[in-house]
Amino acid sequence: MTVRLYRATVLDTPRDPFLHGADALRVEEDAGLVVADGQILARGRYDQVRAEHPQAPVEDLRGGLLLPGLVDTHVHYPQVRAIGSLGMPLLQWLEECALPEEARLADHSYAAEVAVEFLSGLVRAGTTTALVFGSHFSAAVDVLLEQAERSGLRITAGQVLSDRRLRPELHTDPETAVQEGRQLLSRWHGRGRLRYAITPRFSVSASDALLQACKALLGEADGLLLTSHLNENPEEIDAVAELFPGARDYLDTYDRHGLLGTRAVLAHDVHPTDRELARMAELGTAVAHCPTSNAALGSGLFPLRRHVEHGVPVALGCDVGAGSGFGLLKEGLQAAFVQQLRPDGYRLHPAHLLFLATAAGARALGLADRVGVLDAGFDLDAVWVRPESGSVLHTGLRHARDGIDALAKTFVLGAPADVAAVWVGGDRVR
């Protein structure tokens, strides 16, 4: 067993700041992490840890911040090349920008190029774990997961399923959905750091028969996740009400098919009803908050306080295509801006932002016992933020008042260029 000692300024949130306030943030200016076989064996003050492991080689990471690996709970693989379109609401943006690009992934070589770009974007931004909206094409999901295995990242992804209202080449039927889904999850679910997610695109494009096929797929293996969209845009919500006249609300279109629970993550939920929030809290279903996407599409200001007060788990997602890139630091900053604009919003502390980008995501994805904090018994999934000399963030960190201020400056100023190293399960992947 090879033991290595990491010396760094370490920040994480072992407790939920929405319950415990700013004290949930743990800052250690000169910490030592003892790591063997990818797992943290001990954590403490560097001088104490060093005395206990005098022979261990030391990786000196001072001069920056060591954070838990970032966890993205909603990101679209096929939309990397669609980033940057502005001035359109959701359904128009899908029709004119996202769906034409997604149709191009029918070409295997094209899909392979996009997969490499996608995974590179994640790791460069410091994302170590992601719940990925895959492709409508089975072969494109295969190539994504092949590349994901090579990347070393923790990726959960699945084939996107729709049978109406989209471009015809993006449609499937329930029988084919089950057949292709079984083949994909049998190959990839539980293989290394990979898992499979059943992925109906949204109820606008998924009939009752297709949603029932998704339920059948959920029974194929233990530990499968379910992800889709919810209450992103008023026009979308109206379409769901028209298509499902017997449903109580948007959430009920999934719930009536038994698709929800602690392994379900629904993206956006900008316009929830109280009944939906209460039901999600009852079931343990999480929401992926995508603030830059919501702003870019004009979808609305996410009601974080209502989710928290109802007990609905919330984490961050970058969304990618409708957002502004892969950076969860930017998503955290935008989340803080959004809440200050809402009459009922929070003034989010850096502790809230780090929690939303790390431990909350780990909890939403069922990985809270493995990643999300940097503590004994957890895997070493970590990102080292160390900006280049002369950059604005470098100046900010040199003049930070304390660790809390340094973390705030990291969310305000940090970008993928400031990510100096990334580890997943102790393996350096950048």
Protein backbone atom coordinates (compact mmCIF):
# COMPACT_ATOMS: atom_id res chain seq x y z
CA MET A 1 0.00 0.00 0.00
CA THR A 2 1.52 3.31 -1.14
CA VAL A 3 0.85 6.16 1.26
CA ARG A 4 1.05 9.79 0.13
CA LEU A 5 0.63 12.98 2.16
CA TYR A 6 -1.02 16.07 0.68
CA ARG A 7 -0.32 19.45 2.30
CA ALA A 8 -2.76 22.24 1.49
CA THR A 9 -5.27 24.83 2.58
CA VAL A 10 -8.39 22.64 2.60
CA LEU A 11 -12.00 23.83 2.56
CA ASP A 12 -15.13 21.69 2.60
CA THR A 13 -18.65 21.50 4.08
CA PRO A 14 -19.08 18.36 6.18
CA ARG A 15 -22.41 19.79 7.42
CA ASP A 16 -25.32 21.37 5.58
CA PRO A 17 -25.08 25.19 5.81
CA PHE A 18 -28.81 25.53 5.15
CA LEU A 19 -29.26 23.81 8.51
CA HIS A 20 -26.12 24.88 10.39
CA GLY A 21 -25.25 28.24 8.84
CA ALA A 22 -21.78 29.50 7.99
CA ASP A 23 -20.23 27.27 10.66
CA ALA A 24 -20.79 24.35 8.30
CA LEU A 25 -17.74 25.54 6.35
CA ARG A 26 -14.50 23.92 7.53
CA VAL A 27 -11.31 25.81 6.73
CA GLU A 28 -7.86 24.43 7.59
CA GLU A 29 -5.02 26.71 6.51
CA ASP A 30 -2.29 24.06 6.78
CA ALA A 31 -3.92 20.65 6.62
CA GLY A 32 -2.51 17.24 5.90
CA LEU A 33 -4.40 14.49 4.08
CA VAL A 34 -3.02 10.96 4.25
CA VAL A 35 -4.09 9.01 1.15
CA ALA A 36 -3.62 5.35 0.22
CA ASP A 37 -5.21 3.46 -2.67
CA GLY A 38 -7.27 6.51 -3.53
CA GLN A 39 -8.88 6.86 -0.10
CA ILE A 40 -8.23 9.43 2.62
CA LEU A 41 -6.96 7.58 5.69
CA ALA A 42 -6.48 10.57 7.97
CA ARG A 43 -6.86 14.34 8.07
CA GLY A 44 -5.46 16.84 10.52
CA ARG A 45 -2.97 19.62 11.08
CA TYR A 46 -0.03 19.07 8.80
CA ASP A 47 2.61 18.95 11.53
CA GLN A 48 0.66 16.31 13.45
CA VAL A 49 -0.09 14.18 10.41
CA ARG A 50 3.50 14.45 9.21
CA ALA A 51 4.78 13.24 12.58
CA GLU A 52 2.58 10.15 12.26
CA HIS A 53 3.74 9.44 8.68
CA PRO A 54 7.36 10.62 8.53
CA GLN A 55 8.28 8.46 5.53
CA ALA A 56 5.33 9.35 3.28
CA PRO A 57 6.16 11.42 0.19
CA VAL A 58 4.58 14.86 0.37
CA GLU A 59 2.68 16.66 -2.36
CA ASP A 60 2.86 20.33 -1.41
CA LEU A 61 -0.25 22.15 -2.63
CA ARG A 62 0.20 25.38 -0.70
CA GLY A 63 -0.34 28.56 -2.63
CA GLY A 64 -3.88 27.63 -3.63
CA LEU A 65 -7.05 26.05 -2.28
CA LEU A 66 -7.84 22.34 -2.18
CA LEU A 67 -11.59 21.77 -2.53
CA PRO A 68 -13.68 18.62 -2.90
CA GLY A 69 -14.21 17.63 -6.51
CA LEU A 70 -17.14 19.52 -8.01
CA VAL A 71 -20.35 17.56 -8.62
CA ASP A 72 -22.55 18.53 -11.57
CA THR A 73 -26.09 17.16 -11.31
CA HIS A 74 -27.35 18.22 -14.75
CA VAL A 75 -25.26 18.55 -17.90
CA HIS A 76 -26.11 17.73 -21.55
CA TYR A 77 -23.45 15.81 -23.48
CA PRO A 78 -24.69 16.66 -27.02
CA GLN A 79 -24.89 20.42 -26.43
CA VAL A 80 -21.23 21.43 -26.14
CA ARG A 81 -21.24 23.04 -29.58
CA ALA A 82 -24.59 24.77 -28.95
CA ILE A 83 -23.33 26.96 -26.09
CA GLY A 84 -23.70 30.69 -26.61
CA SER A 85 -27.13 31.26 -28.16
CA LEU A 86 -29.04 34.09 -26.51
CA GLY A 87 -32.41 35.77 -26.66
CA MET A 88 -34.70 32.73 -26.99
CA PRO A 89 -37.05 30.99 -24.52
CA LEU A 90 -36.72 27.27 -23.88
CA LEU A 91 -38.91 25.70 -26.56
CA GLN A 92 -37.66 28.00 -29.31
CA TRP A 93 -34.04 27.42 -28.24
CA LEU A 94 -34.59 23.66 -28.36
CA GLU A 95 -36.09 23.84 -31.84
CA GLU A 96 -33.50 26.17 -33.36
CA CYS A 97 -30.28 25.38 -31.48
CA ALA A 98 -30.18 22.27 -29.31
CA LEU A 99 -32.14 19.67 -31.26
CA PRO A 100 -30.41 20.17 -34.63
CA GLU A 101 -27.08 19.69 -32.87
CA GLU A 102 -28.34 16.64 -30.99
CA ALA A 103 -29.46 15.08 -34.28
CA ARG A 104 -25.87 15.26 -35.56
CA LEU A 105 -24.81 12.68 -32.96
CA ALA A 106 -26.30 10.00 -35.19
CA ASP A 107 -22.90 10.12 -36.88
CA HIS A 108 -20.55 7.98 -34.78
CA SER A 109 -17.38 9.94 -35.54
CA TYR A 110 -19.14 13.21 -34.79
CA ALA A 111 -20.42 11.81 -31.48
CA ALA A 112 -16.92 10.64 -30.56
CA GLU A 113 -15.48 14.12 -31.15
CA VAL A 114 -18.20 15.71 -29.04
CA ALA A 115 -17.66 13.16 -26.24
CA VAL A 116 -13.98 14.10 -26.00
CA GLU A 117 -14.82 17.81 -25.98
CA PHE A 118 -17.51 17.26 -23.36
CA LEU A 119 -15.38 15.29 -20.92
CA SER A 120 -12.45 17.65 -21.39
CA GLY A 121 -14.74 20.55 -20.53
CA LEU A 122 -15.83 18.84 -17.31
CA VAL A 123 -12.36 17.99 -16.01
CA ARG A 124 -10.90 21.38 -16.96
CA ALA A 125 -13.61 23.02 -14.86
CA GLY A 126 -12.79 20.84 -11.84
CA THR A 127 -15.86 18.62 -12.15
CA THR A 128 -15.09 15.11 -10.93
CA THR A 129 -18.64 13.69 -10.84
CA ALA A 130 -21.52 14.38 -13.21
CA LEU A 131 -25.05 13.22 -13.91
CA VAL A 132 -25.11 13.49 -17.68
CA PHE A 133 -28.05 13.82 -20.05
CA GLY A 134 -26.85 11.52 -22.81
CA SER A 135 -27.86 11.25 -26.45
CA HIS A 136 -31.02 10.01 -28.13
CA PHE A 137 -28.80 7.57 -30.06
CA SER A 138 -27.67 4.38 -28.33
CA ALA A 139 -24.33 4.30 -30.17
CA ALA A 140 -23.58 7.87 -29.10
CA VAL A 141 -24.20 6.94 -25.46
CA ASP A 142 -21.84 3.99 -25.92
CA VAL A 143 -19.07 6.21 -27.20
CA LEU A 144 -19.62 8.71 -24.37
CA LEU A 145 -19.28 6.00 -21.73
CA GLU A 146 -16.24 4.52 -23.47
CA GLN A 147 -14.54 7.90 -23.34
CA ALA A 148 -15.76 8.49 -19.79
CA GLU A 149 -14.12 5.27 -18.64
CA ARG A 150 -10.83 6.44 -20.14
CA SER A 151 -11.16 9.87 -18.54
CA GLY A 152 -11.34 8.51 -15.00
CA LEU A 153 -14.29 10.73 -14.09
CA ARG A 154 -17.34 9.55 -12.15
CA ILE A 155 -20.03 9.66 -14.80
CA THR A 156 -23.67 8.62 -14.62
CA ALA A 157 -25.40 8.83 -18.00
CA GLY A 158 -28.10 7.24 -20.09
CA GLN A 159 -29.90 7.28 -23.41
CA VAL A 160 -32.36 10.16 -23.75
CA LEU A 161 -35.87 8.91 -24.53
CA SER A 162 -38.62 10.72 -26.45
CA ASP A 163 -41.45 9.57 -28.68
CA ARG A 164 -43.20 12.81 -29.72
CA ARG A 165 -42.93 16.57 -30.34
CA LEU A 166 -39.24 16.53 -31.33
CA ARG A 167 -37.47 16.00 -34.63
CA PRO A 168 -38.53 12.54 -35.92
CA GLU A 169 -34.97 11.18 -35.91
CA LEU A 170 -34.83 11.78 -32.15
CA HIS A 171 -37.90 9.66 -31.46
CA THR A 172 -38.02 6.06 -30.28
CA ASP A 173 -40.80 3.70 -29.23
CA PRO A 174 -41.28 2.03 -25.84
CA GLU A 175 -40.15 -1.42 -26.99
CA THR A 176 -36.93 -0.11 -28.57
CA ALA A 177 -36.30 2.09 -25.55
CA VAL A 178 -36.38 -0.92 -23.23
CA GLN A 179 -34.29 -3.08 -25.55
CA GLU A 180 -31.54 -0.50 -26.10
CA GLY A 181 -31.62 0.59 -22.48
CA ARG A 182 -31.10 -2.96 -21.26
CA GLN A 183 -28.12 -3.38 -23.56
CA LEU A 184 -26.50 -0.13 -22.46
CA LEU A 185 -26.97 -0.58 -18.74
CA SER A 186 -25.80 -4.19 -18.86
CA ARG A 187 -22.55 -2.99 -20.45
CA TRP A 188 -21.90 0.09 -18.34
CA HIS A 189 -23.83 0.29 -15.08
CA GLY A 190 -21.50 -0.33 -12.15
CA ARG A 191 -18.43 -0.63 -14.35
CA GLY A 192 -15.61 1.20 -12.58
CA ARG A 193 -16.77 4.73 -11.87
CA LEU A 194 -19.71 4.58 -14.28
CA ARG A 195 -23.42 4.25 -13.60
CA TYR A 196 -26.54 4.38 -15.74
CA ALA A 197 -29.46 6.81 -15.58
CA ILE A 198 -32.90 6.29 -17.09
CA THR A 199 -33.48 9.56 -18.96
CA PRO A 200 -36.88 10.55 -20.36
CA ARG A 201 -36.19 13.96 -21.89
CA PHE A 202 -39.26 15.67 -20.43
CA SER A 203 -42.95 14.99 -20.32
CA VAL A 204 -43.61 17.21 -23.34
CA SER A 205 -41.75 14.65 -25.48
CA ALA A 206 -42.56 11.45 -23.55
CA SER A 207 -45.93 9.73 -23.69
CA ASP A 208 -47.41 7.67 -20.88
CA ALA A 209 -46.33 4.52 -22.72
CA LEU A 210 -42.72 5.70 -22.90
CA LEU A 211 -42.70 6.77 -19.25
CA GLN A 212 -43.97 3.30 -18.35
CA ALA A 213 -41.08 1.83 -20.33
CA CYS A 214 -38.76 3.97 -18.21
CA LYS A 215 -40.29 2.39 -15.11
CA ALA A 216 -39.60 -1.05 -16.56
CA LEU A 217 -35.96 -0.10 -17.12
CA LEU A 218 -35.61 1.13 -13.52
CA GLY A 219 -36.26 -2.42 -12.38
CA GLU A 220 -33.41 -3.87 -14.45
CA ALA A 221 -30.61 -3.28 -11.90
CA ASP A 222 -29.92 -1.90 -8.44
CA GLY A 223 -28.62 1.63 -8.10
CA LEU A 224 -29.96 3.04 -11.35
CA LEU A 225 -30.75 6.76 -11.39
CA LEU A 226 -33.62 8.62 -13.04
CA THR A 227 -33.21 12.12 -14.42
CA SER A 228 -35.44 14.46 -16.41
CA HIS A 229 -36.70 18.06 -16.50
CA LEU A 230 -39.38 19.78 -14.43
CA ASN A 231 -41.10 23.18 -14.42
CA GLU A 232 -38.43 25.01 -16.37
CA ASN A 233 -40.59 27.37 -18.39
CA PRO A 234 -44.26 28.48 -18.25
CA GLU A 235 -44.90 27.55 -21.89
CA GLU A 236 -43.48 24.07 -21.22
CA ILE A 237 -45.68 23.68 -18.14
CA ASP A 238 -48.77 24.64 -20.14
CA ALA A 239 -47.85 22.04 -22.79
CA VAL A 240 -47.54 19.33 -20.13
CA ALA A 241 -50.96 20.24 -18.71
CA GLU A 242 -52.48 19.93 -22.19
CA LEU A 243 -50.77 16.60 -22.91
CA PHE A 244 -51.61 15.05 -19.51
CA PRO A 245 -55.11 16.31 -18.63
CA GLY A 246 -55.47 13.73 -15.86
CA ALA A 247 -52.27 14.68 -14.04
CA ARG A 248 -52.38 16.88 -10.96
CA ASP A 249 -49.30 18.82 -12.11
CA TYR A 250 -46.02 18.38 -13.98
CA LEU A 251 -44.42 16.29 -11.23
CA ASP A 252 -47.37 13.92 -11.26
CA THR A 253 -46.62 12.90 -14.85
CA TYR A 254 -43.50 11.15 -13.51
CA ASP A 255 -44.88 10.17 -10.12
CA ARG A 256 -47.90 8.30 -11.48
CA HIS A 257 -45.44 5.94 -13.26
CA GLY A 258 -43.34 5.32 -10.14
CA LEU A 259 -40.27 7.14 -11.46
CA LEU A 260 -39.46 9.26 -8.42
CA GLY A 261 -37.55 8.58 -5.20
CA THR A 262 -34.15 9.13 -3.63
CA ARG A 263 -32.33 8.26 -6.87
CA ALA A 264 -34.27 10.75 -9.01
CA VAL A 265 -32.87 14.17 -9.97
CA LEU A 266 -35.09 16.65 -11.81
CA ALA A 267 -33.55 19.70 -13.45
CA HIS A 268 -34.63 23.33 -13.05
CA ASP A 269 -37.99 23.40 -11.17
CA VAL A 270 -38.17 27.16 -11.50
CA HIS A 271 -41.98 27.27 -11.17
CA PRO A 272 -43.05 24.58 -8.65
CA THR A 273 -46.33 24.32 -6.81
CA ASP A 274 -46.37 23.72 -3.07
CA ARG A 275 -47.88 20.29 -3.68
CA GLU A 276 -44.98 19.34 -5.93
CA LEU A 277 -42.42 20.54 -3.39
CA ALA A 278 -44.09 18.61 -0.60
CA ARG A 279 -44.21 15.46 -2.71
CA MET A 280 -40.56 15.73 -3.75
CA ALA A 281 -39.55 16.18 -0.12
CA GLU A 282 -41.63 13.16 0.86
CA LEU A 283 -39.96 11.00 -1.80
CA GLY A 284 -36.43 12.40 -1.38
CA THR A 285 -36.28 13.52 -5.01
CA ALA A 286 -33.58 16.14 -5.67
CA VAL A 287 -33.55 19.22 -7.89
CA ALA A 288 -30.62 20.32 -10.06
CA HIS A 289 -30.50 24.12 -10.00
CA CYS A 290 -29.01 25.55 -13.23
CA PRO A 291 -28.86 29.31 -12.66
CA THR A 292 -26.96 30.51 -15.73
CA SER A 293 -29.22 28.49 -18.03
CA ASN A 294 -32.33 29.81 -16.30
CA ALA A 295 -31.04 33.35 -16.79
CA ALA A 296 -29.96 32.86 -20.42
CA LEU A 297 -33.35 31.44 -21.44
CA GLY A 298 -35.31 33.89 -19.30
CA SER A 299 -36.92 30.98 -17.49
CA GLY A 300 -37.15 32.76 -14.14
CA LEU A 301 -35.54 33.14 -10.72
CA PHE A 302 -35.23 29.82 -8.91
CA PRO A 303 -37.13 29.73 -5.56
CA LEU A 304 -34.37 28.22 -3.44
CA ARG A 305 -35.92 29.21 -0.11
CA ARG A 306 -39.16 27.40 -0.92
CA HIS A 307 -37.24 24.23 -1.81
CA VAL A 308 -35.16 24.36 1.36
CA GLU A 309 -38.14 25.10 3.61
CA HIS A 310 -40.03 22.16 2.12
CA GLY A 311 -36.99 19.91 2.60
CA VAL A 312 -36.26 19.28 -1.10
CA PRO A 313 -32.56 18.46 -1.75
CA VAL A 314 -30.96 20.98 -4.15
CA ALA A 315 -27.60 20.87 -5.91
CA LEU A 316 -26.02 22.63 -8.91
CA GLY A 317 -25.91 21.83 -12.61
CA CYS A 318 -24.33 23.77 -15.47
CA ASP A 319 -26.79 22.46 -18.12
CA VAL A 320 -24.12 23.40 -20.74
CA GLY A 321 -26.01 24.20 -23.93
CA ALA A 322 -28.32 26.86 -22.57
CA GLY A 323 -25.81 27.88 -19.91
CA SER A 324 -22.44 29.55 -20.16
CA GLY A 325 -19.99 26.67 -19.88
CA PHE A 326 -18.95 23.88 -17.55
CA GLY A 327 -17.84 25.94 -14.55
CA LEU A 328 -19.70 25.17 -11.34
CA LEU A 329 -17.87 28.07 -9.70
CA LYS A 330 -19.73 30.37 -12.07
CA GLU A 331 -22.98 28.54 -11.35
CA GLY A 332 -22.45 29.11 -7.64
CA LEU A 333 -21.87 32.82 -8.23
CA GLN A 334 -24.97 33.10 -10.41
CA ALA A 335 -26.99 31.26 -7.75
CA ALA A 336 -25.92 33.89 -5.24
CA PHE A 337 -26.94 36.68 -7.62
CA VAL A 338 -30.33 35.09 -8.28
CA GLN A 339 -31.20 34.73 -4.63
CA GLN A 340 -30.41 38.37 -3.96
CA LEU A 341 -32.90 39.35 -6.69
CA ARG A 342 -35.77 37.33 -5.22
CA PRO A 343 -37.88 39.03 -2.51
CA ASP A 344 -37.77 35.75 -0.54
CA GLY A 345 -34.19 34.90 -1.43
CA TYR A 346 -31.17 34.10 0.67
CA ARG A 347 -27.95 36.04 0.99
CA LEU A 348 -25.79 33.04 0.29
CA HIS A 349 -22.54 32.63 2.19
CA PRO A 350 -19.51 30.99 0.53
CA ALA A 351 -20.37 27.95 2.64
CA HIS A 352 -23.69 27.60 0.80
CA LEU A 353 -22.01 27.87 -2.58
CA LEU A 354 -19.36 25.25 -1.83
CA PHE A 355 -21.98 22.91 -0.39
CA LEU A 356 -24.23 23.25 -3.44
CA ALA A 357 -21.29 22.53 -5.76
CA THR A 358 -19.92 19.54 -3.83
CA ALA A 359 -21.57 17.75 -0.90
CA ALA A 360 -25.14 18.56 -1.99
CA GLY A 361 -24.45 17.06 -5.39
CA ALA A 362 -22.91 13.97 -3.84
CA ARG A 363 -26.02 13.57 -1.70
CA ALA A 364 -28.35 13.98 -4.69
CA LEU A 365 -26.46 11.30 -6.64
CA GLY A 366 -26.33 8.80 -3.78
CA LEU A 367 -22.59 9.24 -3.25
CA ALA A 368 -22.56 11.15 0.02
CA ASP A 369 -20.63 8.37 1.75
CA ARG A 370 -17.80 8.49 -0.81
CA VAL A 371 -17.28 12.01 -2.16
CA GLY A 372 -18.22 15.62 -1.53
CA VAL A 373 -15.99 16.26 1.48
CA LEU A 374 -12.30 15.72 2.18
CA ASP A 375 -12.28 13.54 5.27
CA ALA A 376 -11.06 10.17 6.49
CA GLY A 377 -13.00 7.34 4.87
CA PHE A 378 -13.80 9.29 1.70
CA ASP A 379 -12.23 8.90 -1.72
CA LEU A 380 -9.78 11.59 -2.74
CA ASP A 381 -11.90 13.46 -5.25
CA ALA A 382 -10.41 16.94 -5.18
CA VAL A 383 -9.69 20.06 -7.19
CA TRP A 384 -6.69 22.32 -6.60
CA VAL A 385 -7.46 25.93 -7.42
CA ARG A 386 -4.17 27.71 -8.01
CA PRO A 387 -4.36 30.64 -10.41
CA GLU A 388 -1.42 31.79 -12.49
CA SER A 389 0.70 34.59 -11.11
CA GLY A 390 -0.63 37.97 -12.19
CA SER A 391 -4.23 36.84 -12.75
CA VAL A 392 -7.04 38.66 -11.00
CA LEU A 393 -7.82 35.63 -8.84
CA HIS A 394 -4.16 35.29 -7.91
CA THR A 395 -4.19 38.89 -6.72
CA GLY A 396 -7.43 38.32 -4.85
CA LEU A 397 -6.17 35.23 -3.03
CA ARG A 398 -2.93 36.95 -2.02
CA HIS A 399 -4.95 39.69 -0.36
CA ALA A 400 -7.78 37.58 1.06
CA ARG A 401 -8.58 38.30 4.71
CA ASP A 402 -9.01 34.64 5.60
CA GLY A 403 -10.08 31.31 4.16
CA ILE A 404 -13.73 32.35 3.89
CA ASP A 405 -12.80 35.43 1.92
CA ALA A 406 -10.50 33.35 -0.29
CA LEU A 407 -13.39 30.99 -1.06
CA ALA A 408 -15.69 33.91 -1.87
CA LYS A 409 -13.11 35.33 -4.27
CA THR A 410 -12.73 31.90 -5.86
CA PHE A 411 -16.45 31.77 -6.68
CA VAL A 412 -16.48 35.37 -7.92
CA LEU A 413 -13.29 35.22 -10.00
CA GLY A 414 -12.53 31.54 -10.57
CA ALA A 415 -12.60 29.94 -14.01
CA PRO A 416 -11.37 26.67 -15.57
CA ALA A 417 -8.01 28.33 -16.22
CA ASP A 418 -7.52 28.53 -12.45
CA VAL A 419 -7.90 24.76 -11.95
CA ALA A 420 -4.33 23.49 -11.59
CA ALA A 421 -5.00 19.81 -10.77
CA VAL A 422 -7.89 17.37 -10.39
CA TRP A 423 -7.98 13.97 -8.63
CA VAL A 424 -10.66 11.27 -8.79
CA GLY A 425 -10.32 8.34 -6.43
CA GLY A 426 -6.72 9.41 -5.83
CA ASP A 427 -5.90 9.32 -9.55
CA ARG A 428 -4.75 12.59 -11.01
CA VAL A 429 -6.92 13.20 -14.09
CA ARG A 430 -5.64 16.69 -14.82
